Amino acid sequence: MKKILLLSTLILVIGACTQNKTAGEYLGEGEDNGKKYILGDDAAVNTVKNVAKHYSAKDVDEMFKYYSKEFTEKNYENNKKWLDSMESISMEPYVIVPVKIEGSDETKVLTWSIEERNWKNGSKQKQNLMEVFTVDSDNKVSGFSQWSRNYPTNEFGLSVGGKFYGKSDNQWTGRGLVFSNRGEVEAIEKLVESYNKMDVEGCKTAFADKVNVQYEDGRKVVFTPNMWEGYFKDYRSVNWKLYSIVPLKIYDTDPASGVVVTSREKRVMRNGKVWERELVEWFYFNLDGKIDNMTQFSRKIK
C-alpha cells in the first residue's frame, strides 16, 4: 500500500513539474531579457489554424476576424491584393507550437508549414515556411514574421541559378550565378544621371583609375579619369535611357561582380549628326566597388 501511495505521489509531482516546466531564454533587449519560456495554450493554436484555413480559401474578411484591430488597419489592403493575385493558394501547417515568456500575456505561435502559390499570371511557387504569429490576450494575431526556403524545383525565387561557362574552361566553369548587392544598381543609376547631365566629375566617381573598355565597334581603350575632361566636347546633348540593370556574380567566389545593363542611348553632335543605339553592356565591378572593365554591344535604330 505504501508503494502504491509513493508511486501515486511521484506521478503527481512529475505531472505538476511537467506542466510548470520552463525552458529556453529570451536574449533580446528590454525587460524580458533573461526570462524563460513556457508552453502556451490551444486557444492561440486555434487562432492560427483559423488564419491558415481562411488564408487558403482566399477569404480575407474571415481571416482578419482573427487579427487585432491595429494589425488589420495596417495590413488588410495588402493582404487583399496578395490573395486577389492568386488563382489558388494553400498553407498547410504541419507543426504548431505555442510558447510565451513567463509573465507575458502574449503567445508566440511557432508554425512550420508548406505553402503552394499559383498566381493568376501563371507563375507557380512552393515553399517551406517557418512563421511566428504573435497572439494577444484576446487571442487575436497582433504581429507576424516569416522565414522561407524555396523548393529546388521552383520556377523562380531560388538563391542560385543559371550557369557560368567562360570563354575557356577555368576553375569557375559550371558554377551557378547569384545576384550581387554591393551598390552596383545605385552606382549605375548615378552614372546614368551624371552622364545625361554631362557632369564630368559625377561620371568619374563610378570608375577605377584604369578601365579596360571594348566598344561596340571592337575598339579597345584603356580609359583613365583625365579622358573624361574632353568626353562631351563634341556633343550638344546625350540621352541614356535604362531598360534594365542585372548585377551578378559567380557563386562561391570573391565579391567582384558583372552588371548587365540594357539601354537606349542617343547622342546629338554639335555638327547636327545623331548617333542612336540600343545597347547591351557589361560593367565589371572590382573588389573596391569600382568599374574596371566594360564591354559594349549595340544595335542600330532605324
Protein backbone atom coordinates (compact mmCIF):
# COMPACT_ATOMS: atom_id res chain seq x y z
CA MET A 1 0.00 0.00 0.00
CA LYS A 2 2.88 2.34 0.84
CA LYS A 3 4.46 1.60 -2.52
CA ILE A 4 1.22 2.47 -4.31
CA LEU A 5 0.89 5.76 -2.38
CA LEU A 6 4.54 6.62 -3.05
CA LEU A 7 4.15 5.89 -6.76
CA SER A 8 0.95 7.97 -6.96
CA THR A 9 2.63 10.88 -5.20
CA LEU A 10 5.62 10.65 -7.57
CA ILE A 11 3.35 10.71 -10.64
CA LEU A 12 1.52 13.79 -9.33
CA VAL A 13 4.80 15.60 -8.64
CA ILE A 14 6.21 14.77 -12.09
CA GLY A 15 2.95 15.89 -13.71
CA ALA A 16 3.00 19.18 -11.82
CA CYS A 17 6.65 19.78 -12.72
CA THR A 18 5.96 18.99 -16.36
CA GLN A 19 3.05 21.44 -16.51
CA ASN A 20 5.09 24.26 -14.98
CA LYS A 21 8.37 23.47 -16.73
CA THR A 22 10.29 26.40 -18.15
CA ALA A 23 12.94 26.22 -20.84
CA GLY A 24 14.90 28.37 -23.21
CA GLU A 25 15.72 32.01 -22.63
CA TYR A 26 14.91 35.36 -24.22
CA LEU A 27 18.21 37.06 -25.11
CA GLY A 28 16.89 40.23 -26.73
CA GLU A 29 16.97 43.69 -25.21
CA GLY A 30 14.37 45.01 -22.80
CA GLU A 31 12.70 43.97 -19.58
CA ASP A 32 12.19 40.37 -20.77
CA ASN A 33 15.92 39.72 -21.19
CA GLY A 34 16.91 36.51 -19.44
CA LYS A 35 13.35 35.30 -18.87
CA LYS A 36 12.34 31.70 -19.57
CA TYR A 37 9.63 30.35 -21.86
CA ILE A 38 6.64 28.20 -21.02
CA LEU A 39 4.13 26.45 -23.25
CA GLY A 40 1.11 28.48 -24.33
CA ASP A 41 -2.41 27.15 -24.70
CA ASP A 42 -4.52 25.73 -27.53
CA ALA A 43 -6.65 28.86 -27.89
CA ALA A 44 -3.71 30.60 -29.58
CA VAL A 45 -3.13 27.49 -31.70
CA ASN A 46 -6.76 27.52 -32.87
CA THR A 47 -6.42 31.19 -33.85
CA VAL A 48 -3.52 30.35 -36.16
CA LYS A 49 -5.34 27.32 -37.55
CA ASN A 50 -8.27 29.54 -38.48
CA VAL A 51 -5.95 32.07 -40.11
CA ALA A 52 -4.41 29.28 -42.21
CA LYS A 53 -7.85 27.92 -43.14
CA HIS A 54 -9.25 31.22 -44.40
CA TYR A 55 -5.94 32.24 -45.98
CA SER A 56 -6.03 29.07 -48.07
CA ALA A 57 -9.64 29.84 -49.01
CA LYS A 58 -8.59 33.38 -50.04
CA ASP A 59 -11.27 34.74 -47.70
CA VAL A 60 -9.56 37.85 -46.41
CA ASP A 61 -12.60 39.09 -44.46
CA GLU A 62 -12.95 35.88 -42.46
CA MET A 63 -9.18 35.67 -41.99
CA PHE A 64 -8.94 39.14 -40.46
CA LYS A 65 -11.56 38.30 -37.85
CA TYR A 66 -8.63 36.59 -36.11
CA TYR A 67 -6.35 39.65 -36.26
CA SER A 68 -6.23 42.61 -33.89
CA LYS A 69 -7.77 45.92 -34.93
CA GLU A 70 -4.39 47.64 -35.21
CA PHE A 71 -2.88 44.87 -37.32
CA THR A 72 -5.96 44.81 -39.57
CA GLU A 73 -5.80 48.56 -40.20
CA LYS A 74 -2.18 48.31 -41.34
CA ASN A 75 -2.29 45.07 -43.32
CA TYR A 76 -5.80 44.38 -44.64
CA GLU A 77 -5.41 46.03 -48.06
CA ASN A 78 -2.01 44.48 -48.82
CA ASN A 79 -3.28 41.03 -47.87
CA LYS A 80 -6.36 41.51 -50.03
CA LYS A 81 -4.22 42.45 -53.05
CA TRP A 82 -1.95 39.49 -52.38
CA LEU A 83 -4.77 36.94 -52.21
CA ASP A 84 -6.58 38.52 -55.17
CA SER A 85 -3.45 37.96 -57.27
CA MET A 86 -3.70 34.19 -56.69
CA GLU A 87 -5.59 31.60 -58.69
CA SER A 88 -5.14 29.36 -55.67
CA ILE A 89 -3.02 29.29 -52.53
CA SER A 90 -2.58 26.63 -49.88
CA MET A 91 -0.95 26.98 -46.45
CA GLU A 92 -0.71 23.62 -44.69
CA PRO A 93 0.85 23.74 -41.20
CA TYR A 94 2.46 20.51 -40.04
CA VAL A 95 3.83 21.78 -36.70
CA ILE A 96 2.27 24.44 -34.42
CA VAL A 97 3.91 25.20 -31.07
CA PRO A 98 2.62 27.97 -28.72
CA VAL A 99 5.18 29.43 -26.31
CA LYS A 100 5.20 32.50 -24.10
CA ILE A 101 7.65 34.34 -21.89
CA GLU A 102 6.90 33.86 -18.20
CA GLY A 103 4.57 36.60 -17.00
CA SER A 104 3.62 37.74 -20.51
CA ASP A 105 0.07 37.81 -21.85
CA GLU A 106 1.31 37.34 -25.43
CA THR A 107 1.80 33.95 -27.04
CA LYS A 108 4.29 33.31 -29.81
CA VAL A 109 2.86 30.61 -32.05
CA LEU A 110 5.68 28.93 -33.98
CA THR A 111 4.39 27.41 -37.19
CA TRP A 112 6.06 25.20 -39.76
CA SER A 113 4.11 24.80 -42.98
CA ILE A 114 4.20 24.12 -46.71
CA GLU A 115 2.71 26.80 -48.92
CA GLU A 116 1.85 26.41 -52.61
CA ARG A 117 1.10 29.51 -54.66
CA ASN A 118 -0.48 29.62 -58.11
CA TRP A 119 -0.67 33.15 -59.46
CA LYS A 120 -3.32 34.29 -61.92
CA ASN A 121 -0.45 35.26 -64.23
CA GLY A 122 0.65 31.61 -64.43
CA SER A 123 3.62 31.65 -62.05
CA LYS A 124 3.93 28.84 -59.51
CA GLN A 125 5.87 28.57 -56.27
CA LYS A 126 6.23 26.12 -53.40
CA GLN A 127 7.90 27.00 -50.11
CA ASN A 128 8.75 25.61 -46.71
CA LEU A 129 7.82 28.31 -44.20
CA MET A 130 8.73 28.99 -40.59
CA GLU A 131 6.41 31.66 -39.18
CA VAL A 132 5.88 33.34 -35.82
CA PHE A 133 2.38 34.63 -35.04
CA THR A 134 2.12 36.92 -32.02
CA VAL A 135 -1.26 36.26 -30.39
CA ASP A 136 -2.51 38.72 -27.77
CA SER A 137 -4.60 38.13 -24.64
CA ASP A 138 -7.80 38.33 -26.74
CA ASN A 139 -6.50 35.51 -28.95
CA LYS A 140 -6.04 37.88 -31.87
CA VAL A 141 -2.94 37.94 -34.08
CA SER A 142 -1.13 41.24 -33.43
CA GLY A 143 2.19 40.54 -35.15
CA PHE A 144 3.76 38.28 -37.74
CA SER A 145 7.22 37.26 -39.00
CA GLN A 146 8.18 34.79 -41.73
CA TRP A 147 11.22 32.87 -42.98
CA SER A 148 11.12 30.78 -46.15
CA ARG A 149 13.01 28.18 -48.18
CA ASN A 150 12.07 27.60 -51.80
CA TYR A 151 11.82 24.10 -53.19
CA PRO A 152 14.69 23.41 -55.67
CA THR A 153 12.15 22.65 -58.42
CA ASN A 154 10.60 26.12 -58.24
CA GLU A 155 10.20 28.15 -61.41
CA PHE A 156 11.71 31.23 -59.73
CA GLY A 157 13.00 32.61 -56.46
CA LEU A 158 15.99 30.29 -55.99
CA SER A 159 19.14 31.78 -54.49
CA VAL A 160 21.40 30.24 -57.16
CA GLY A 161 20.63 29.82 -60.85
CA GLY A 162 21.96 29.85 -64.37
CA LYS A 163 25.46 28.61 -65.15
CA PHE A 164 28.80 30.23 -65.87
CA TYR A 165 30.90 28.83 -68.73
CA GLY A 166 33.55 31.44 -69.58
CA LYS A 167 35.36 31.95 -72.87
CA SER A 168 37.53 28.96 -72.00
CA ASP A 169 37.33 26.30 -69.30
CA ASN A 170 38.51 27.53 -65.91
CA GLN A 171 38.10 26.90 -62.21
CA TRP A 172 34.66 28.53 -62.22
CA THR A 173 33.22 26.77 -65.28
CA GLY A 174 29.89 25.14 -64.44
CA ARG A 175 29.17 27.18 -61.31
CA GLY A 176 25.83 28.87 -60.78
CA LEU A 177 25.20 32.60 -60.64
CA VAL A 178 23.74 34.71 -57.86
CA PHE A 179 22.53 38.29 -57.65
CA SER A 180 25.08 40.73 -56.26
CA ASN A 181 24.08 43.54 -53.92
CA ARG A 182 27.10 45.77 -53.28
CA GLY A 183 25.60 49.02 -54.54
CA GLU A 184 26.02 48.26 -58.24
CA VAL A 185 22.46 49.25 -59.16
CA GLU A 186 22.75 52.59 -57.38
CA ALA A 187 26.19 53.20 -58.96
CA ILE A 188 24.82 52.62 -62.48
CA GLU A 189 21.79 54.83 -61.83
CA LYS A 190 24.03 57.62 -60.53
CA LEU A 191 26.36 57.19 -63.53
CA VAL A 192 23.44 57.49 -65.97
CA GLU A 193 22.16 60.58 -64.17
CA SER A 194 25.60 62.26 -64.29
CA TYR A 195 26.14 61.19 -67.90
CA ASN A 196 22.86 62.73 -69.08
CA LYS A 197 23.84 65.98 -67.35
CA MET A 198 27.29 65.73 -69.00
CA ASP A 199 28.68 66.01 -65.46
CA VAL A 200 32.33 65.01 -65.80
CA GLU A 201 33.10 64.82 -62.08
CA GLY A 202 29.96 62.80 -61.43
CA CYS A 203 30.89 60.29 -64.15
CA LYS A 204 34.38 59.82 -62.74
CA THR A 205 33.14 58.55 -59.38
CA ALA A 206 31.90 55.22 -60.75
CA PHE A 207 35.19 54.17 -62.34
CA ALA A 208 38.58 52.87 -61.25
CA ASP A 209 41.75 54.72 -62.23
CA LYS A 210 42.16 52.47 -65.26
CA VAL A 211 39.22 50.94 -67.12
CA ASN A 212 39.59 48.42 -69.95
CA VAL A 213 36.87 49.33 -72.43
CA GLN A 214 35.82 47.42 -75.54
CA TYR A 215 33.37 49.47 -77.59
CA GLU A 216 30.59 48.19 -79.85
CA ASP A 217 32.78 48.65 -82.95
CA GLY A 218 35.55 46.48 -81.48
CA ARG A 219 37.89 49.30 -80.40
CA LYS A 220 39.78 48.66 -77.17
CA VAL A 221 40.77 51.57 -74.95
CA VAL A 222 42.31 51.91 -71.50
CA PHE A 223 40.14 54.72 -70.13
CA THR A 224 41.57 56.98 -67.42
CA PRO A 225 39.88 59.74 -65.37
CA ASN A 226 41.52 62.59 -67.30
CA MET A 227 39.92 61.31 -70.53
CA TRP A 228 36.52 62.38 -69.17
CA GLU A 229 37.60 66.02 -69.42
CA GLY A 230 37.07 66.12 -73.17
CA TYR A 231 34.46 63.38 -73.45
CA PHE A 232 31.42 65.62 -74.03
CA LYS A 233 33.07 68.39 -76.05
CA ASP A 234 31.60 67.24 -79.39
CA TYR A 235 28.09 66.61 -78.03
CA ARG A 236 25.21 69.03 -77.94
CA SER A 237 23.20 66.59 -75.81
CA VAL A 238 23.12 62.97 -74.67
CA ASN A 239 20.21 60.85 -73.50
CA TRP A 240 20.95 57.45 -71.95
CA LYS A 241 17.73 55.60 -71.03
CA LEU A 242 17.92 52.46 -68.93
CA TYR A 243 15.92 49.34 -69.75
CA SER A 244 17.34 47.04 -67.04
CA ILE A 245 20.21 46.53 -64.58
CA VAL A 246 21.15 42.96 -63.63
CA PRO A 247 24.05 42.61 -61.11
CA LEU A 248 25.50 39.08 -61.00
CA LYS A 249 28.45 37.20 -59.56
CA ILE A 250 29.67 33.63 -59.79
CA TYR A 251 28.59 31.56 -56.79
CA ASP A 252 31.25 30.98 -54.11
CA THR A 253 33.79 33.49 -55.43
CA ASP A 254 35.08 36.87 -54.22
CA PRO A 255 32.68 39.87 -54.27
CA ALA A 256 33.72 41.14 -57.73
CA SER A 257 30.64 41.27 -59.96
CA GLY A 258 29.44 41.81 -63.51
CA VAL A 259 26.43 44.01 -64.23
CA VAL A 260 24.41 43.57 -67.42
CA VAL A 261 22.85 46.87 -68.46
CA THR A 262 20.39 47.10 -71.34
CA SER A 263 19.54 50.58 -72.55
CA ARG A 264 18.98 53.05 -75.37
CA GLU A 265 21.32 55.96 -75.98
CA LYS A 266 21.04 58.99 -78.21
CA ARG A 267 23.90 61.43 -78.81
CA VAL A 268 23.33 64.66 -80.72
CA MET A 269 26.60 66.07 -82.06
CA ARG A 270 27.38 69.77 -82.33
CA ASN A 271 27.60 69.33 -86.11
CA GLY A 272 24.00 68.04 -86.20
CA LYS A 273 24.72 64.34 -86.62
CA VAL A 274 22.82 61.89 -84.44
CA TRP A 275 24.14 58.62 -83.01
CA GLU A 276 21.42 56.37 -81.57
CA ARG A 277 21.66 52.74 -80.49
CA GLU A 278 20.08 50.10 -78.30
CA LEU A 279 22.85 48.78 -76.08
CA VAL A 280 23.82 45.74 -74.07
CA GLU A 281 26.78 46.50 -71.83
CA TRP A 282 28.73 44.58 -69.19
CA PHE A 283 30.18 46.67 -66.37
CA TYR A 284 32.64 44.74 -64.19
CA PHE A 285 32.92 45.99 -60.59
CA ASN A 286 36.17 45.22 -58.78
CA LEU A 287 36.66 44.43 -55.10
CA ASP A 288 36.63 48.15 -54.30
CA GLY A 289 33.21 48.55 -55.92
CA LYS A 290 34.57 50.50 -58.90
CA ILE A 291 34.11 49.72 -62.60
CA ASP A 292 37.40 48.50 -64.07
CA ASN A 293 36.15 46.77 -67.24
CA MET A 294 33.36 47.49 -69.70
CA THR A 295 32.23 45.63 -72.83
CA GLN A 296 29.63 47.09 -75.19
CA PHE A 297 27.33 45.64 -77.86
CA SER A 298 24.86 47.66 -79.91
CA ARG A 299 22.06 47.60 -82.43
CA LYS A 300 21.26 50.46 -84.77
CA ILE A 301 17.82 52.03 -84.60
CA LYS A 302 16.17 52.67 -87.94
